[in-house]
Amino acid sequence: MLMVSSLSILLVFFFFFRCTCGKCQQMPTAVECVCCHEIQEVVTVRRQGEEHFNQVLYCITDHPGLNAVCLDPYGLQVAWMTYKQQYKGKAFDGPQDFLGQDNRVVLPACAVSCIRAHFPPPEEESAVFKGFRVSQRNVPEL
């Protein structure tokens, strides 16, 4: 039987062994420990970026469009206002195939780390990242 500390070390080793972009960091849960090379949609975007910008992108965080889409506070503000206007302020009442409270996806660990580096939590001691949480709405009781 493995000790908890041995199991933790094993999980860390397994996670970093899986990372092929070289930029992933350990996430709080196993569900969140995903490299950008493991998500087909992200691989497609990375490859399109390689073709468009004529350069090798080893990680999705190397994509030149990442800054405008995920890291620019003004671009994010415009996107949020547009989204709220489109769905009349009801952020989670969009089409069923859109992301929202009941439709979540895990971001690659490298992208999460990059976003957190650009948007650190407030200086409060209580500011802790909660990590990925699946919606508890409409969960059938067992």
Protein backbone atom coordinates (compact mmCIF):
# COMPACT_ATOMS: atom_id res chain seq x y z
CA MET A 1 0.00 0.00 0.00
CA LEU A 2 1.37 3.41 -0.99
CA MET A 3 1.63 6.20 1.52
CA VAL A 4 -0.18 9.44 0.66
CA SER A 5 3.12 11.25 0.12
CA SER A 6 4.34 8.46 -2.19
CA LEU A 7 1.07 8.58 -4.11
CA SER A 8 1.38 12.36 -4.47
CA ILE A 9 4.90 12.02 -5.81
CA LEU A 10 3.73 9.34 -8.24
CA LEU A 11 0.88 11.56 -9.49
CA VAL A 12 3.24 14.50 -9.96
CA PHE A 13 5.67 12.29 -11.92
CA PHE A 14 2.83 10.91 -14.06
CA PHE A 15 1.51 14.40 -14.79
CA PHE A 16 4.86 15.84 -15.83
CA PHE A 17 5.65 12.73 -17.84
CA ARG A 18 2.41 13.35 -19.80
CA CYS A 19 3.23 16.98 -20.55
CA THR A 20 4.72 17.27 -24.02
CA CYS A 21 4.68 21.05 -24.44
CA GLY A 22 7.10 21.65 -21.56
CA LYS A 23 5.02 24.40 -19.94
CA CYS A 24 2.41 22.55 -17.88
CA GLN A 25 2.32 22.91 -14.12
CA GLN A 26 0.62 20.65 -11.64
CA MET A 27 -3.06 21.44 -11.17
CA PRO A 28 -5.12 20.75 -8.02
CA THR A 29 -7.04 17.80 -9.48
CA ALA A 30 -6.26 14.97 -11.90
CA VAL A 31 -9.08 16.18 -14.20
CA GLU A 32 -7.23 19.49 -14.67
CA CYS A 33 -3.85 17.91 -15.43
CA VAL A 34 -4.15 18.03 -19.21
CA CYS A 35 -1.48 19.17 -21.67
CA CYS A 36 -2.40 21.25 -24.74
CA HIS A 37 -1.13 18.36 -26.90
CA GLU A 38 -3.89 16.11 -25.48
CA ILE A 39 -6.90 18.19 -26.58
CA GLN A 40 -7.63 17.78 -30.30
CA GLU A 41 -9.32 21.20 -30.68
CA VAL A 42 -6.28 22.91 -29.14
CA VAL A 43 -3.88 20.89 -31.33
CA THR A 44 -5.86 22.03 -34.39
CA VAL A 45 -5.66 25.71 -33.35
CA ARG A 46 -1.92 25.37 -32.63
CA ARG A 47 -1.30 23.80 -36.06
CA GLN A 48 -3.36 26.49 -37.80
CA GLY A 49 -1.25 29.08 -35.99
CA GLU A 50 1.93 27.37 -37.18
CA GLU A 51 0.73 27.51 -40.78
CA HIS A 52 -0.51 31.10 -40.53
CA PHE A 53 2.51 32.54 -38.71
CA ASN A 54 5.05 30.21 -40.37
CA GLN A 55 6.68 29.23 -37.09
CA VAL A 56 6.75 26.19 -34.84
CA LEU A 57 4.46 26.50 -31.82
CA TYR A 58 5.45 23.97 -29.17
CA CYS A 59 2.66 25.07 -26.84
CA ILE A 60 -0.69 26.82 -27.24
CA THR A 61 0.72 29.59 -25.03
CA ASP A 62 3.22 30.33 -27.83
CA HIS A 63 0.34 31.13 -30.21
CA PRO A 64 0.49 34.85 -31.13
CA GLY A 65 -3.30 35.12 -30.83
CA LEU A 66 -3.33 34.07 -27.17
CA ASN A 67 -2.61 37.59 -25.97
CA ALA A 68 -5.54 39.18 -27.81
CA VAL A 69 -8.00 36.40 -26.97
CA CYS A 70 -7.08 35.48 -23.38
CA LEU A 71 -4.67 37.99 -21.87
CA ASP A 72 -5.76 41.47 -23.00
CA PRO A 73 -8.03 42.95 -20.28
CA TYR A 74 -9.72 45.33 -22.73
CA GLY A 75 -10.41 42.57 -25.26
CA LEU A 76 -11.84 40.39 -22.48
CA GLN A 77 -14.04 43.24 -21.29
CA VAL A 78 -15.43 43.80 -24.80
CA ALA A 79 -16.02 40.05 -25.24
CA TRP A 80 -17.86 39.88 -21.89
CA MET A 81 -20.03 42.91 -22.67
CA THR A 82 -20.86 41.49 -26.12
CA TYR A 83 -21.74 38.13 -24.60
CA LYS A 84 -23.99 39.73 -21.96
CA GLN A 85 -25.69 41.89 -24.58
CA GLN A 86 -26.24 38.94 -26.88
CA TYR A 87 -27.85 36.90 -24.10
CA LYS A 88 -29.47 39.90 -22.40
CA GLY A 89 -27.37 39.73 -19.26
CA LYS A 90 -28.14 36.08 -18.60
CA ALA A 91 -24.66 34.64 -18.84
CA PHE A 92 -25.72 31.02 -18.54
CA ASP A 93 -28.89 31.13 -20.64
CA GLY A 94 -27.19 30.91 -24.04
CA PRO A 95 -27.57 28.03 -26.48
CA GLN A 96 -27.12 24.57 -24.97
CA ASP A 97 -23.90 23.92 -26.89
CA PHE A 98 -22.21 27.03 -25.47
CA LEU A 99 -20.09 26.93 -22.35
CA GLY A 100 -21.84 27.85 -19.17
CA GLN A 101 -22.81 26.63 -15.75
CA ASP A 102 -23.90 23.21 -17.03
CA ASN A 103 -21.44 22.86 -19.92
CA ARG A 104 -17.79 23.07 -18.85
CA VAL A 105 -14.48 22.12 -20.44
CA VAL A 106 -11.06 21.79 -18.88
CA LEU A 107 -8.40 24.17 -20.18
CA PRO A 108 -4.87 22.89 -20.75
CA ALA A 109 -2.69 23.25 -17.65
CA CYS A 110 -0.19 25.36 -19.59
CA ALA A 111 -2.92 27.84 -20.61
CA VAL A 112 -4.28 28.01 -17.04
CA SER A 113 -0.78 28.72 -15.71
CA CYS A 114 -0.23 31.43 -18.32
CA ILE A 115 -3.58 33.12 -17.57
CA ARG A 116 -2.97 32.97 -13.81
CA ALA A 117 0.48 34.52 -14.29
CA HIS A 118 -1.11 37.45 -16.16
CA PHE A 119 -4.07 37.78 -13.78
CA PRO A 120 -2.84 36.99 -10.26
CA PRO A 121 -5.38 36.85 -7.44
CA PRO A 122 -5.90 39.86 -5.20
CA GLU A 123 -3.34 40.30 -2.45
CA GLU A 124 -5.77 38.92 0.10
CA GLU A 125 -4.79 35.84 2.09
CA SER A 126 -8.18 34.29 1.37
CA ALA A 127 -7.73 34.51 -2.42
CA VAL A 128 -7.34 30.89 -3.50
CA PHE A 129 -7.96 29.37 -6.92
CA LYS A 130 -10.83 26.93 -6.58
CA GLY A 131 -9.96 24.96 -9.70
CA PHE A 132 -12.32 23.22 -12.07
CA ARG A 133 -15.76 22.53 -10.65
CA VAL A 134 -18.50 20.62 -12.39
CA SER A 135 -21.94 22.20 -12.15
CA GLN A 136 -24.14 20.82 -9.41
CA ARG A 137 -27.36 21.92 -11.12
CA ASN A 138 -29.52 19.21 -12.59
CA VAL A 139 -27.43 16.43 -11.10
CA PRO A 140 -29.63 13.36 -10.70
CA GLU A 141 -29.86 12.00 -7.19
CA LEU A 142 -28.69 8.45 -6.64
